[in-house]
PDB file of N, CA and C in Angstrom:
ATOM      1  N   MET A   1      -5.273 -14.792  -6.655  1.00  0.00           N
ATOM      2  CA  MET A   1      -6.552 -15.471  -6.535  1.00  0.00           C
ATOM      3  C   MET A   1      -6.425 -16.540  -5.458  1.00  0.00           C
ATOM      4  N   THR A   2      -7.398 -16.614  -4.593  1.00  0.00           N
ATOM      5  CA  THR A   2      -7.419 -17.658  -3.585  1.00  0.00           C
ATOM      6  C   THR A   2      -7.985 -18.923  -4.205  1.00  0.00           C
ATOM      7  N   PRO A   3      -7.733 -20.097  -3.616  1.00  0.00           N
ATOM      8  CA  PRO A   3      -8.221 -21.343  -4.214  1.00  0.00           C
ATOM      9  C   PRO A   3      -9.727 -21.349  -4.459  1.00  0.00           C
ATOM     10  N   GLN A   4     -10.505 -20.624  -3.660  1.00  0.00           N
ATOM     11  CA  GLN A   4     -11.950 -20.635  -3.821  1.00  0.00           C
ATOM     12  C   GLN A   4     -12.471 -19.476  -4.668  1.00  0.00           C
ATOM     13  N   SER A   5     -11.604 -18.595  -5.173  1.00  0.00           N
ATOM     14  CA  SER A   5     -12.059 -17.434  -5.931  1.00  0.00           C
ATOM     15  C   SER A   5     -12.791 -17.857  -7.191  1.00  0.00           C
ATOM     16  N   ARG A   6     -13.958 -17.267  -7.368  1.00  0.00           N
ATOM     17  CA  ARG A   6     -14.760 -17.512  -8.557  1.00  0.00           C
ATOM     18  C   ARG A   6     -15.244 -16.165  -9.083  1.00  0.00           C
ATOM     19  N   HIS A   7     -15.293 -16.047 -10.392  1.00  0.00           N
ATOM     20  CA  HIS A   7     -15.693 -14.811 -11.056  1.00  0.00           C
ATOM     21  C   HIS A   7     -17.024 -14.298 -10.511  1.00  0.00           C
ATOM     22  N   HIS A   8     -17.019 -13.074 -10.047  1.00  0.00           N
ATOM     23  CA  HIS A   8     -18.169 -12.327  -9.539  1.00  0.00           C
ATOM     24  C   HIS A   8     -18.809 -12.928  -8.284  1.00  0.00           C
ATOM     25  N   SER A   9     -18.061 -13.745  -7.552  1.00  0.00           N
ATOM     26  CA  SER A   9     -18.571 -14.276  -6.288  1.00  0.00           C
ATOM     27  C   SER A   9     -18.016 -13.463  -5.119  1.00  0.00           C
ATOM     28  N   LEU A  10     -18.698 -13.539  -3.960  1.00  0.00           N
ATOM     29  CA  LEU A  10     -18.168 -12.910  -2.752  1.00  0.00           C
ATOM     30  C   LEU A  10     -16.839 -13.573  -2.451  1.00  0.00           C
ATOM     31  N   ASP A  11     -15.826 -12.762  -2.123  1.00  0.00           N
ATOM     32  CA  ASP A  11     -14.488 -13.331  -2.007  1.00  0.00           C
ATOM     33  C   ASP A  11     -13.707 -12.869  -0.787  1.00  0.00           C
ATOM     34  N   TYR A  12     -14.000 -11.699  -0.249  1.00  0.00           N
ATOM     35  CA  TYR A  12     -13.132 -11.101   0.766  1.00  0.00           C
ATOM     36  C   TYR A  12     -13.960 -10.098   1.557  1.00  0.00           C
ATOM     37  N   VAL A  13     -13.769 -10.033   2.849  1.00  0.00           N
ATOM     38  CA  VAL A  13     -14.478  -9.075   3.692  1.00  0.00           C
ATOM     39  C   VAL A  13     -13.443  -8.229   4.429  1.00  0.00           C
ATOM     40  N   GLU A  14     -13.592  -6.921   4.319  1.00  0.00           N
ATOM     41  CA  GLU A  14     -12.651  -5.991   4.931  1.00  0.00           C
ATOM     42  C   GLU A  14     -13.359  -5.215   6.040  1.00  0.00           C
ATOM     43  N   LEU A  15     -12.769  -5.224   7.226  1.00  0.00           N
ATOM     44  CA  LEU A  15     -13.312  -4.493   8.361  1.00  0.00           C
ATOM     45  C   LEU A  15     -12.468  -3.251   8.609  1.00  0.00           C
ATOM     46  N   THR A  16     -13.106  -2.102   8.713  1.00  0.00           N
ATOM     47  CA  THR A  16     -12.405  -0.864   9.044  1.00  0.00           C
ATOM     48  C   THR A  16     -12.334  -0.755  10.560  1.00  0.00           C
ATOM     49  N   VAL A  17     -11.130  -0.557  11.070  1.00  0.00           N
ATOM     50  CA  VAL A  17     -10.906  -0.500  12.519  1.00  0.00           C
ATOM     51  C   VAL A  17     -10.162   0.787  12.867  1.00  0.00           C
ATOM     52  N   THR A  18     -10.407   1.295  14.063  1.00  0.00           N
ATOM     53  CA  THR A  18      -9.752   2.533  14.471  1.00  0.00           C
ATOM     54  C   THR A  18      -8.437   2.306  15.202  1.00  0.00           C
ATOM     55  N   ASP A  19      -8.166   1.083  15.617  1.00  0.00           N
ATOM     56  CA  ASP A  19      -6.923   0.741  16.307  1.00  0.00           C
ATOM     57  C   ASP A  19      -6.510  -0.646  15.825  1.00  0.00           C
ATOM     58  N   LEU A  20      -5.621  -0.687  14.840  1.00  0.00           N
ATOM     59  CA  LEU A  20      -5.239  -1.951  14.223  1.00  0.00           C
ATOM     60  C   LEU A  20      -4.620  -2.940  15.214  1.00  0.00           C
ATOM     61  N   PRO A  21      -3.655  -2.542  16.051  1.00  0.00           N
ATOM     62  CA  PRO A  21      -3.106  -3.507  17.010  1.00  0.00           C
ATOM     63  C   PRO A  21      -4.168  -4.070  17.962  1.00  0.00           C
ATOM     64  N   ALA A  22      -5.069  -3.211  18.441  1.00  0.00           N
ATOM     65  CA  ALA A  22      -6.120  -3.680  19.352  1.00  0.00           C
ATOM     66  C   ALA A  22      -7.078  -4.630  18.631  1.00  0.00           C
ATOM     67  N   ALA A  23      -7.410  -4.317  17.380  1.00  0.00           N
ATOM     68  CA  ALA A  23      -8.310  -5.188  16.615  1.00  0.00           C
ATOM     69  C   ALA A  23      -7.659  -6.546  16.362  1.00  0.00           C
ATOM     70  N   LYS A  24      -6.386  -6.546  15.998  1.00  0.00           N
ATOM     71  CA  LYS A  24      -5.681  -7.812  15.785  1.00  0.00           C
ATOM     72  C   LYS A  24      -5.660  -8.627  17.072  1.00  0.00           C
ATOM     73  N   ALA A  25      -5.378  -7.975  18.187  1.00  0.00           N
ATOM     74  CA  ALA A  25      -5.344  -8.682  19.475  1.00  0.00           C
ATOM     75  C   ALA A  25      -6.718  -9.260  19.802  1.00  0.00           C
ATOM     76  N   PHE A  26      -7.768  -8.484  19.574  1.00  0.00           N
ATOM     77  CA  PHE A  26      -9.124  -8.954  19.855  1.00  0.00           C
ATOM     78  C   PHE A  26      -9.456 -10.186  19.016  1.00  0.00           C
ATOM     79  N   TYR A  27      -9.294 -10.107  17.714  1.00  0.00           N
ATOM     80  CA  TYR A  27      -9.679 -11.219  16.841  1.00  0.00           C
ATOM     81  C   TYR A  27      -8.791 -12.449  17.041  1.00  0.00           C
ATOM     82  N   THR A  28      -7.539 -12.224  17.411  1.00  0.00           N
ATOM     83  CA  THR A  28      -6.660 -13.359  17.725  1.00  0.00           C
ATOM     84  C   THR A  28      -7.138 -14.058  18.991  1.00  0.00           C
ATOM     85  N   GLN A  29      -7.407 -13.278  20.029  1.00  0.00           N
ATOM     86  CA  GLN A  29      -7.831 -13.862  21.298  1.00  0.00           C
ATOM     87  C   GLN A  29      -9.226 -14.480  21.206  1.00  0.00           C
ATOM     88  N   ALA A  30     -10.151 -13.785  20.572  1.00  0.00           N
ATOM     89  CA  ALA A  30     -11.539 -14.259  20.531  1.00  0.00           C
ATOM     90  C   ALA A  30     -11.737 -15.441  19.581  1.00  0.00           C
ATOM     91  N   PHE A  31     -11.061 -15.421  18.425  1.00  0.00           N
ATOM     92  CA  PHE A  31     -11.352 -16.409  17.387  1.00  0.00           C
ATOM     93  C   PHE A  31     -10.137 -17.173  16.870  1.00  0.00           C
ATOM     94  N   GLY A  32      -8.952 -16.827  17.359  1.00  0.00           N
ATOM     95  CA  GLY A  32      -7.749 -17.508  16.905  1.00  0.00           C
ATOM     96  C   GLY A  32      -7.298 -17.095  15.516  1.00  0.00           C
ATOM     97  N   TRP A  33      -7.773 -15.928  15.046  1.00  0.00           N
ATOM     98  CA  TRP A  33      -7.387 -15.469  13.712  1.00  0.00           C
ATOM     99  C   TRP A  33      -5.894 -15.165  13.665  1.00  0.00           C
ATOM    100  N   ARG A  34      -5.302 -15.384  12.496  1.00  0.00           N
ATOM    101  CA  ARG A  34      -3.908 -15.041  12.230  1.00  0.00           C
ATOM    102  C   ARG A  34      -3.889 -13.973  11.139  1.00  0.00           C
ATOM    103  N   PHE A  35      -2.830 -13.176  11.112  1.00  0.00           N
ATOM    104  CA  PHE A  35      -2.788 -12.029  10.213  1.00  0.00           C
ATOM    105  C   PHE A  35      -1.510 -11.993   9.389  1.00  0.00           C
ATOM    106  N   VAL A  36      -1.611 -11.345   8.230  1.00  0.00           N
ATOM    107  CA  VAL A  36      -0.478 -11.052   7.363  1.00  0.00           C
ATOM    108  C   VAL A  36      -0.368  -9.532   7.342  1.00  0.00           C
ATOM    109  N   ASP A  37       0.712  -8.997   7.891  1.00  0.00           N
ATOM    110  CA  ASP A  37       0.861  -7.545   7.999  1.00  0.00           C
ATOM    111  C   ASP A  37       1.365  -6.941   6.691  1.00  0.00           C
ATOM    112  N   TYR A  38       0.746  -5.816   6.316  1.00  0.00           N
ATOM    113  CA  TYR A  38       1.135  -5.051   5.128  1.00  0.00           C
ATOM    114  C   TYR A  38       1.478  -3.622   5.520  1.00  0.00           C
ATOM    115  N   GLY A  39       2.054  -3.444   6.668  1.00  0.00           N
ATOM    116  CA  GLY A  39       2.410  -2.117   7.147  1.00  0.00           C
ATOM    117  C   GLY A  39       1.516  -1.695   8.295  1.00  0.00           C
ATOM    118  N   PRO A  40       1.621  -0.440   8.706  1.00  0.00           N
ATOM    119  CA  PRO A  40       0.908   0.022   9.903  1.00  0.00           C
ATOM    120  C   PRO A  40      -0.590   0.236   9.712  1.00  0.00           C
ATOM    121  N   GLU A  41      -1.095   0.156   8.480  1.00  0.00           N
ATOM    122  CA  GLU A  41      -2.506   0.463   8.247  1.00  0.00           C
ATOM    123  C   GLU A  41      -3.320  -0.703   7.705  1.00  0.00           C
ATOM    124  N   TYR A  42      -2.694  -1.883   7.514  1.00  0.00           N
ATOM    125  CA  TYR A  42      -3.465  -2.995   6.946  1.00  0.00           C
ATOM    126  C   TYR A  42      -2.907  -4.336   7.393  1.00  0.00           C
ATOM    127  N   ALA A  43      -3.819  -5.240   7.697  1.00  0.00           N
ATOM    128  CA  ALA A  43      -3.440  -6.622   8.014  1.00  0.00           C
ATOM    129  C   ALA A  43      -4.446  -7.548   7.340  1.00  0.00           C
ATOM    130  N   GLY A  44      -3.945  -8.469   6.538  1.00  0.00           N
ATOM    131  CA  GLY A  44      -4.815  -9.459   5.926  1.00  0.00           C
ATOM    132  C   GLY A  44      -5.183 -10.524   6.951  1.00  0.00           C
ATOM    133  N   ILE A  45      -6.394 -11.067   6.840  1.00  0.00           N
ATOM    134  CA  ILE A  45      -6.840 -12.142   7.722  1.00  0.00           C
ATOM    135  C   ILE A  45      -6.513 -13.458   7.029  1.00  0.00           C
ATOM    136  N   ALA A  46      -5.610 -14.235   7.628  1.00  0.00           N
ATOM    137  CA  ALA A  46      -5.171 -15.494   7.024  1.00  0.00           C
ATOM    138  C   ALA A  46      -6.309 -16.510   7.007  1.00  0.00           C
ATOM    139  N   SER A  47      -6.381 -17.273   5.932  1.00  0.00           N
ATOM    140  CA  SER A  47      -7.390 -18.317   5.812  1.00  0.00           C
ATOM    141  C   SER A  47      -7.194 -19.367   6.899  1.00  0.00           C
ATOM    142  N   PRO A  48      -8.279 -19.834   7.509  1.00  0.00           N
ATOM    143  CA  PRO A  48      -8.138 -20.888   8.518  1.00  0.00           C
ATOM    144  C   PRO A  48      -7.669 -22.208   7.922  1.00  0.00           C
ATOM    145  N   ALA A  49      -7.702 -22.330   6.592  1.00  0.00           N
ATOM    146  CA  ALA A  49      -7.232 -23.547   5.929  1.00  0.00           C
ATOM    147  C   ALA A  49      -5.708 -23.624   5.923  1.00  0.00           C
ATOM    148  N   ASP A  50      -5.047 -22.535   6.364  1.00  0.00           N
ATOM    149  CA  ASP A  50      -3.585 -22.477   6.414  1.00  0.00           C
ATOM    150  C   ASP A  50      -2.975 -22.790   5.053  1.00  0.00           C
ATOM    151  N   ASP A  51      -3.595 -22.237   3.985  1.00  0.00           N
ATOM    152  CA  ASP A  51      -3.146 -22.485   2.624  1.00  0.00           C
ATOM    153  C   ASP A  51      -2.457 -21.283   2.000  1.00  0.00           C
ATOM    154  N   GLY A  52      -2.149 -20.284   2.813  1.00  0.00           N
ATOM    155  CA  GLY A  52      -1.494 -19.079   2.316  1.00  0.00           C
ATOM    156  C   GLY A  52      -2.462 -18.044   1.773  1.00  0.00           C
ATOM    157  N   ALA A  53      -3.738 -18.370   1.698  1.00  0.00           N
ATOM    158  CA  ALA A  53      -4.742 -17.444   1.192  1.00  0.00           C
ATOM    159  C   ALA A  53      -5.210 -16.516   2.317  1.00  0.00           C
ATOM    160  N   GLU A  54      -5.899 -15.463   1.922  1.00  0.00           N
ATOM    161  CA  GLU A  54      -6.520 -14.552   2.873  1.00  0.00           C
ATOM    162  C   GLU A  54      -8.019 -14.521   2.615  1.00  0.00           C
ATOM    163  N   VAL A  55      -8.799 -14.371   3.683  1.00  0.00           N
ATOM    164  CA  VAL A  55     -10.255 -14.333   3.564  1.00  0.00           C
ATOM    165  C   VAL A  55     -10.810 -12.937   3.843  1.00  0.00           C
ATOM    166  N   GLY A  56      -9.964 -12.044   4.305  1.00  0.00           N
ATOM    167  CA  GLY A  56     -10.406 -10.700   4.615  1.00  0.00           C
ATOM    168  C   GLY A  56      -9.253  -9.864   5.099  1.00  0.00           C
ATOM    169  N   GLY A  57      -9.579  -8.680   5.610  1.00  0.00           N
ATOM    170  CA  GLY A  57      -8.536  -7.804   6.087  1.00  0.00           C
ATOM    171  C   GLY A  57      -9.056  -6.797   7.093  1.00  0.00           C
ATOM    172  N   LEU A  58      -8.129  -6.202   7.816  1.00  0.00           N
ATOM    173  CA  LEU A  58      -8.407  -5.120   8.748  1.00  0.00           C
ATOM    174  C   LEU A  58      -7.730  -3.868   8.200  1.00  0.00           C
ATOM    175  N   LEU A  59      -8.511  -2.824   7.967  1.00  0.00           N
ATOM    176  CA  LEU A  59      -8.012  -1.561   7.441  1.00  0.00           C
ATOM    177  C   LEU A  59      -8.076  -0.512   8.527  1.00  0.00           C
ATOM    178  N   ALA A  60      -6.937   0.077   8.890  1.00  0.00           N
ATOM    179  CA  ALA A  60      -6.897   1.127   9.906  1.00  0.00           C
ATOM    180  C   ALA A  60      -7.402   2.438   9.312  1.00  0.00           C
ATOM    181  N   ALA A  61      -8.289   3.106  10.037  1.00  0.00           N
ATOM    182  CA  ALA A  61      -8.816   4.403   9.621  1.00  0.00           C
ATOM    183  C   ALA A  61      -9.183   5.190  10.872  1.00  0.00           C
ATOM    184  N   SER A  62      -9.366   6.483  10.719  1.00  0.00           N
ATOM    185  CA  SER A  62      -9.680   7.318  11.881  1.00  0.00           C
ATOM    186  C   SER A  62     -11.093   7.081  12.399  1.00  0.00           C
ATOM    187  N   GLU A  63     -11.967   6.533  11.556  1.00  0.00           N
ATOM    188  CA  GLU A  63     -13.323   6.198  11.988  1.00  0.00           C
ATOM    189  C   GLU A  63     -13.839   5.034  11.149  1.00  0.00           C
ATOM    190  N   PRO A  64     -14.820   4.304  11.661  1.00  0.00           N
ATOM    191  CA  PRO A  64     -15.369   3.178  10.904  1.00  0.00           C
ATOM    192  C   PRO A  64     -16.012   3.643   9.603  1.00  0.00           C
ATOM    193  N   ARG A  65     -16.283   2.702   8.727  1.00  0.00           N
ATOM    194  CA  ARG A  65     -16.957   3.009   7.466  1.00  0.00           C
ATOM    195  C   ARG A  65     -18.282   3.702   7.740  1.00  0.00           C
ATOM    196  N   PRO A  66     -18.701   4.582   6.841  1.00  0.00           N
ATOM    197  CA  PRO A  66     -20.019   5.204   7.009  1.00  0.00           C
ATOM    198  C   PRO A  66     -21.087   4.123   7.180  1.00  0.00           C
ATOM    199  N   ARG A  67     -21.948   4.315   8.121  1.00  0.00           N
ATOM    200  CA  ARG A  67     -23.007   3.369   8.455  1.00  0.00           C
ATOM    201  C   ARG A  67     -22.462   2.047   8.985  1.00  0.00           C
ATOM    202  N   GLY A  68     -21.165   1.983   9.281  1.00  0.00           N
ATOM    203  CA  GLY A  68     -20.577   0.781   9.867  1.00  0.00           C
ATOM    204  C   GLY A  68     -20.592  -0.400   8.919  1.00  0.00           C
ATOM    205  N   GLY A  69     -20.270  -1.545   9.443  1.00  0.00           N
ATOM    206  CA  GLY A  69     -20.315  -2.767   8.661  1.00  0.00           C
ATOM    207  C   GLY A  69     -19.057  -3.035   7.870  1.00  0.00           C
ATOM    208  N   PRO A  70     -18.950  -4.246   7.368  1.00  0.00           N
ATOM    209  CA  PRO A  70     -17.770  -4.648   6.611  1.00  0.00           C
ATOM    210  C   PRO A  70     -17.814  -4.148   5.168  1.00  0.00           C
ATOM    211  N   PHE A  71     -16.678  -4.190   4.531  1.00  0.00           N
ATOM    212  CA  PHE A  71     -16.554  -3.882   3.109  1.00  0.00           C
ATOM    213  C   PHE A  71     -16.419  -5.214   2.384  1.00  0.00           C
ATOM    214  N   VAL A  72     -17.373  -5.527   1.544  1.00  0.00           N
ATOM    215  CA  VAL A  72     -17.407  -6.814   0.854  1.00  0.00           C
ATOM    216  C   VAL A  72     -16.749  -6.672  -0.515  1.00  0.00           C
ATOM    217  N   LEU A  73     -15.900  -7.643  -0.837  1.00  0.00           N
ATOM    218  CA  LEU A  73     -15.229  -7.653  -2.128  1.00  0.00           C
ATOM    219  C   LEU A  73     -15.623  -8.884  -2.933  1.00  0.00           C
ATOM    220  N   LEU A  74     -15.839  -8.671  -4.220  1.00  0.00           N
ATOM    221  CA  LEU A  74     -16.067  -9.741  -5.174  1.00  0.00           C
ATOM    222  C   LEU A  74     -14.765  -9.973  -5.921  1.00  0.00           C
ATOM    223  N   TYR A  75     -14.660 -11.114  -6.582  1.00  0.00           N
ATOM    224  CA  TYR A  75     -13.503 -11.400  -7.415  1.00  0.00           C
ATOM    225  C   TYR A  75     -13.918 -11.295  -8.878  1.00  0.00           C
ATOM    226  N   SER A  76     -13.009 -10.880  -9.736  1.00  0.00           N
ATOM    227  CA  SER A  76     -13.298 -10.802 -11.168  1.00  0.00           C
ATOM    228  C   SER A  76     -12.152 -11.372 -11.981  1.00  0.00           C
ATOM    229  N   ASP A  77     -12.496 -12.094 -13.032  1.00  0.00           N
ATOM    230  CA  ASP A  77     -11.497 -12.559 -13.996  1.00  0.00           C
ATOM    231  C   ASP A  77     -11.074 -11.426 -14.922  1.00  0.00           C
ATOM    232  N   ASP A  78     -11.905 -10.384 -15.049  1.00  0.00           N
ATOM    233  CA  ASP A  78     -11.655  -9.273 -15.978  1.00  0.00           C
ATOM    234  C   ASP A  78     -12.196  -7.987 -15.351  1.00  0.00           C
ATOM    235  N   LEU A  79     -11.343  -7.254 -14.655  1.00  0.00           N
ATOM    236  CA  LEU A  79     -11.767  -6.082 -13.888  1.00  0.00           C
ATOM    237  C   LEU A  79     -12.376  -5.000 -14.779  1.00  0.00           C
ATOM    238  N   GLU A  80     -11.817  -4.770 -15.946  1.00  0.00           N
ATOM    239  CA  GLU A  80     -12.341  -3.725 -16.827  1.00  0.00           C
ATOM    240  C   GLU A  80     -13.738  -4.084 -17.324  1.00  0.00           C
ATOM    241  N   GLU A  81     -13.962  -5.339 -17.678  1.00  0.00           N
ATOM    242  CA  GLU A  81     -15.297  -5.751 -18.119  1.00  0.00           C
ATOM    243  C   GLU A  81     -16.292  -5.675 -16.959  1.00  0.00           C
ATOM    244  N   THR A  82     -15.854  -6.025 -15.762  1.00  0.00           N
ATOM    245  CA  THR A  82     -16.731  -5.900 -14.599  1.00  0.00           C
ATOM    246  C   THR A  82     -17.100  -4.445 -14.372  1.00  0.00           C
ATOM    247  N   GLN A  83     -16.144  -3.545 -14.525  1.00  0.00           N
ATOM    248  CA  GLN A  83     -16.425  -2.112 -14.369  1.00  0.00           C
ATOM    249  C   GLN A  83     -17.493  -1.682 -15.375  1.00  0.00           C
ATOM    250  N   ARG A  84     -17.355  -2.093 -16.621  1.00  0.00           N
ATOM    251  CA  ARG A  84     -18.351  -1.739 -17.636  1.00  0.00           C
ATOM    252  C   ARG A  84     -19.720  -2.335 -17.284  1.00  0.00           C
ATOM    253  N   ALA A  85     -19.741  -3.567 -16.788  1.00  0.00           N
ATOM    254  CA  ALA A  85     -21.001  -4.221 -16.436  1.00  0.00           C
ATOM    255  C   ALA A  85     -21.703  -3.501 -15.289  1.00  0.00           C
ATOM    256  N   VAL A  86     -20.928  -3.032 -14.308  1.00  0.00           N
ATOM    257  CA  VAL A  86     -21.506  -2.288 -13.181  1.00  0.00           C
ATOM    258  C   VAL A  86     -22.193  -1.025 -13.694  1.00  0.00           C
ATOM    259  N   VAL A  87     -21.514  -0.301 -14.563  1.00  0.00           N
ATOM    260  CA  VAL A  87     -22.064   0.955 -15.093  1.00  0.00           C
ATOM    261  C   VAL A  87     -23.293   0.668 -15.962  1.00  0.00           C
ATOM    262  N   ARG A  88     -23.208  -0.345 -16.818  1.00  0.00           N
ATOM    263  CA  ARG A  88     -24.350  -0.704 -17.673  1.00  0.00           C
ATOM    264  C   ARG A  88     -25.583  -1.068 -16.845  1.00  0.00           C
ATOM    265  N   ALA A  89     -25.363  -1.689 -15.687  1.00  0.00           N
ATOM    266  CA  ALA A  89     -26.467  -2.139 -14.840  1.00  0.00           C
ATOM    267  C   ALA A  89     -27.027  -1.022 -13.957  1.00  0.00           C
ATOM    268  N   GLY A  90     -26.436   0.168 -14.016  1.00  0.00           N
ATOM    269  CA  GLY A  90     -26.949   1.289 -13.229  1.00  0.00           C
ATOM    270  C   GLY A  90     -26.155   1.593 -11.980  1.00  0.00           C
ATOM    271  N   GLY A  91     -25.018   0.932 -11.799  1.00  0.00           N
ATOM    272  CA  GLY A  91     -24.157   1.224 -10.665  1.00  0.00           C
ATOM    273  C   GLY A  91     -23.260   2.416 -10.949  1.00  0.00           C
ATOM    274  N   ARG A  92     -22.553   2.861  -9.933  1.00  0.00           N
ATOM    275  CA  ARG A  92     -21.668   4.021 -10.034  1.00  0.00           C
ATOM    276  C   ARG A  92     -20.280   3.626  -9.549  1.00  0.00           C
ATOM    277  N   ILE A  93     -19.258   3.940 -10.307  1.00  0.00           N
ATOM    278  CA  ILE A  93     -17.884   3.671  -9.889  1.00  0.00           C
ATOM    279  C   ILE A  93     -17.487   4.736  -8.869  1.00  0.00           C
ATOM    280  N   VAL A  94     -17.132   4.295  -7.666  1.00  0.00           N
ATOM    281  CA  VAL A  94     -16.739   5.187  -6.581  1.00  0.00           C
ATOM    282  C   VAL A  94     -15.234   5.421  -6.613  1.00  0.00           C
ATOM    283  N   GLN A  95     -14.480   4.372  -6.939  1.00  0.00           N
ATOM    284  CA  GLN A  95     -13.025   4.477  -7.056  1.00  0.00           C
ATOM    285  C   GLN A  95     -12.594   3.617  -8.237  1.00  0.00           C
ATOM    286  N   ALA A  96     -11.992   4.250  -9.235  1.00  0.00           N
ATOM    287  CA  ALA A  96     -11.536   3.551 -10.435  1.00  0.00           C
ATOM    288  C   ALA A  96     -10.478   2.504 -10.070  1.00  0.00           C
ATOM    289  N   PRO A  97     -10.222   1.557 -10.952  1.00  0.00           N
ATOM    290  CA  PRO A  97      -9.231   0.522 -10.647  1.00  0.00           C
ATOM    291  C   PRO A  97      -7.883   1.101 -10.198  1.00  0.00           C
ATOM    292  N   TYR A  98      -7.336   0.488  -9.155  1.00  0.00           N
ATOM    293  CA  TYR A  98      -6.036   0.898  -8.618  1.00  0.00           C
ATOM    294  C   TYR A  98      -5.282  -0.342  -8.164  1.00  0.00           C
ATOM    295  N   ALA A  99      -3.969  -0.205  -8.071  1.00  0.00           N
ATOM    296  CA  ALA A  99      -3.108  -1.323  -7.651  1.00  0.00           C
ATOM    297  C   ALA A  99      -3.079  -1.412  -6.126  1.00  0.00           C
ATOM    298  N   PHE A 100      -2.988  -2.624  -5.628  1.00  0.00           N
ATOM    299  CA  PHE A 100      -2.763  -2.902  -4.207  1.00  0.00           C
ATOM    300  C   PHE A 100      -1.897  -4.159  -4.150  1.00  0.00           C
ATOM    301  N   PRO A 101      -1.371  -4.557  -2.981  1.00  0.00           N
ATOM    302  CA  PRO A 101      -0.412  -5.668  -2.947  1.00  0.00           C
ATOM    303  C   PRO A 101      -0.907  -6.988  -3.558  1.00  0.00           C
ATOM    304  N   GLY A 102      -2.216  -7.222  -3.604  1.00  0.00           N
ATOM    305  CA  GLY A 102      -2.724  -8.478  -4.162  1.00  0.00           C
ATOM    306  C   GLY A 102      -3.113  -8.415  -5.617  1.00  0.00           C
ATOM    307  N   GLY A 103      -3.054  -7.240  -6.226  1.00  0.00           N
ATOM    308  CA  GLY A 103      -3.464  -7.099  -7.622  1.00  0.00           C
ATOM    309  C   GLY A 103      -4.031  -5.722  -7.881  1.00  0.00           C
ATOM    310  N   ARG A 104      -5.269  -5.679  -8.369  1.00  0.00           N
ATOM    311  CA  ARG A 104      -5.955  -4.414  -8.649  1.00  0.00           C
ATOM    312  C   ARG A 104      -7.387  -4.525  -8.142  1.00  0.00           C
ATOM    313  N   ARG A 105      -7.980  -3.367  -7.825  1.00  0.00           N
ATOM    314  CA  ARG A 105      -9.379  -3.395  -7.422  1.00  0.00           C
ATOM    315  C   ARG A 105     -10.053  -2.075  -7.711  1.00  0.00           C
ATOM    316  N   LEU A 106     -11.386  -2.110  -7.684  1.00  0.00           N
ATOM    317  CA  LEU A 106     -12.207  -0.921  -7.842  1.00  0.00           C
ATOM    318  C   LEU A 106     -13.313  -0.965  -6.796  1.00  0.00           C
ATOM    319  N   HIS A 107     -13.946   0.192  -6.569  1.00  0.00           N
ATOM    320  CA  HIS A 107     -15.081   0.270  -5.653  1.00  0.00           C
ATOM    321  C   HIS A 107     -16.269   0.796  -6.455  1.00  0.00           C
ATOM    322  N   PHE A 108     -17.449   0.268  -6.166  1.00  0.00           N
ATOM    323  CA  PHE A 108     -18.650   0.746  -6.835  1.00  0.00           C
ATOM    324  C   PHE A 108     -19.798   0.852  -5.844  1.00  0.00           C
ATOM    325  N   ALA A 109     -20.812   1.636  -6.220  1.00  0.00           N
ATOM    326  CA  ALA A 109     -22.041   1.736  -5.429  1.00  0.00           C
ATOM    327  C   ALA A 109     -23.179   1.166  -6.264  1.00  0.00           C
ATOM    328  N   ASP A 110     -24.023   0.351  -5.624  1.00  0.00           N
ATOM    329  CA  ASP A 110     -25.200  -0.163  -6.316  1.00  0.00           C
ATOM    330  C   ASP A 110     -26.281   0.922  -6.316  1.00  0.00           C
ATOM    331  N   PRO A 111     -27.415   0.710  -6.987  1.00  0.00           N
ATOM    332  CA  PRO A 111     -28.437   1.751  -7.043  1.00  0.00           C
ATOM    333  C   PRO A 111     -28.975   2.193  -5.682  1.00  0.00           C
ATOM    334  N   SER A 112     -28.823   1.361  -4.643  1.00  0.00           N
ATOM    335  CA  SER A 112     -29.260   1.752  -3.301  1.00  0.00           C
ATOM    336  C   SER A 112     -28.180   2.484  -2.522  1.00  0.00           C
ATOM    337  N   GLY A 113     -26.979   2.586  -3.089  1.00  0.00           N
ATOM    338  CA  GLY A 113     -25.886   3.273  -2.419  1.00  0.00           C
ATOM    339  C   GLY A 113     -24.941   2.379  -1.643  1.00  0.00           C
ATOM    340  N   ASN A 114     -25.164   1.055  -1.660  1.00  0.00           N
ATOM    341  CA  ASN A 114     -24.238   0.132  -0.992  1.00  0.00           C
ATOM    342  C   ASN A 114     -22.918   0.109  -1.744  1.00  0.00           C
ATOM    343  N   GLU A 115     -21.819   0.318  -1.019  1.00  0.00           N
ATOM    344  CA  GLU A 115     -20.498   0.301  -1.657  1.00  0.00           C
ATOM    345  C   GLU A 115     -19.861  -1.078  -1.491  1.00  0.00           C
ATOM    346  N   LEU A 116     -19.407  -1.639  -2.600  1.00  0.00           N
ATOM    347  CA  LEU A 116     -18.702  -2.908  -2.633  1.00  0.00           C
ATOM    348  C   LEU A 116     -17.439  -2.717  -3.455  1.00  0.00           C
ATOM    349  N   GLY A 117     -16.555  -3.704  -3.394  1.00  0.00           N
ATOM    350  CA  GLY A 117     -15.352  -3.676  -4.191  1.00  0.00           C
ATOM    351  C   GLY A 117     -15.262  -4.916  -5.054  1.00  0.00           C
ATOM    352  N   VAL A 118     -14.433  -4.813  -6.077  1.00  0.00           N
ATOM    353  CA  VAL A 118     -14.136  -5.952  -6.942  1.00  0.00           C
ATOM    354  C   VAL A 118     -12.628  -5.969  -7.116  1.00  0.00           C
ATOM    355  N   TRP A 119     -12.015  -7.146  -6.977  1.00  0.00           N
ATOM    356  CA  TRP A 119     -10.574  -7.238  -7.145  1.00  0.00           C
ATOM    357  C   TRP A 119     -10.232  -8.276  -8.202  1.00  0.00           C
ATOM    358  N   ALA A 120      -9.036  -8.137  -8.754  1.00  0.00           N
ATOM    359  CA  ALA A 120      -8.511  -9.071  -9.749  1.00  0.00           C
ATOM    360  C   ALA A 120      -7.003  -9.141  -9.583  1.00  0.00           C
ATOM    361  N   GLU A 121      -6.435 -10.218 -10.056  1.00  0.00           N
ATOM    362  CA  GLU A 121      -4.972 -10.349  -9.997  1.00  0.00           C
ATOM    363  C   GLU A 121      -4.334  -9.517 -11.077  1.00  0.00           C
TER     364      GLU A 121
END
């Protein structure tokens, strides 16, 4: 959990990029962003507060996300309860909870088809 993480609030933005080294170079040069590397396909975007937290990430893929745009992640104190709440509210689970280096997360689609993620420690 980052210092600003709050239950069900916007917490992290993930950009899908087709060339991870080029994207890192661009964002470093243009905005001074720093990165935490997690292998050849992912780099976390370090918080500008220099507190060890991350505010987003760059995900390498062969093409950008469908319809473009970032992947927005919410934070949850209880991932399983959030999953149930999404389904009860009419959302659809796109990817069931899975482990990643920061904890666990799931992906869901809202009734309009917008895909978001939720993560927990």
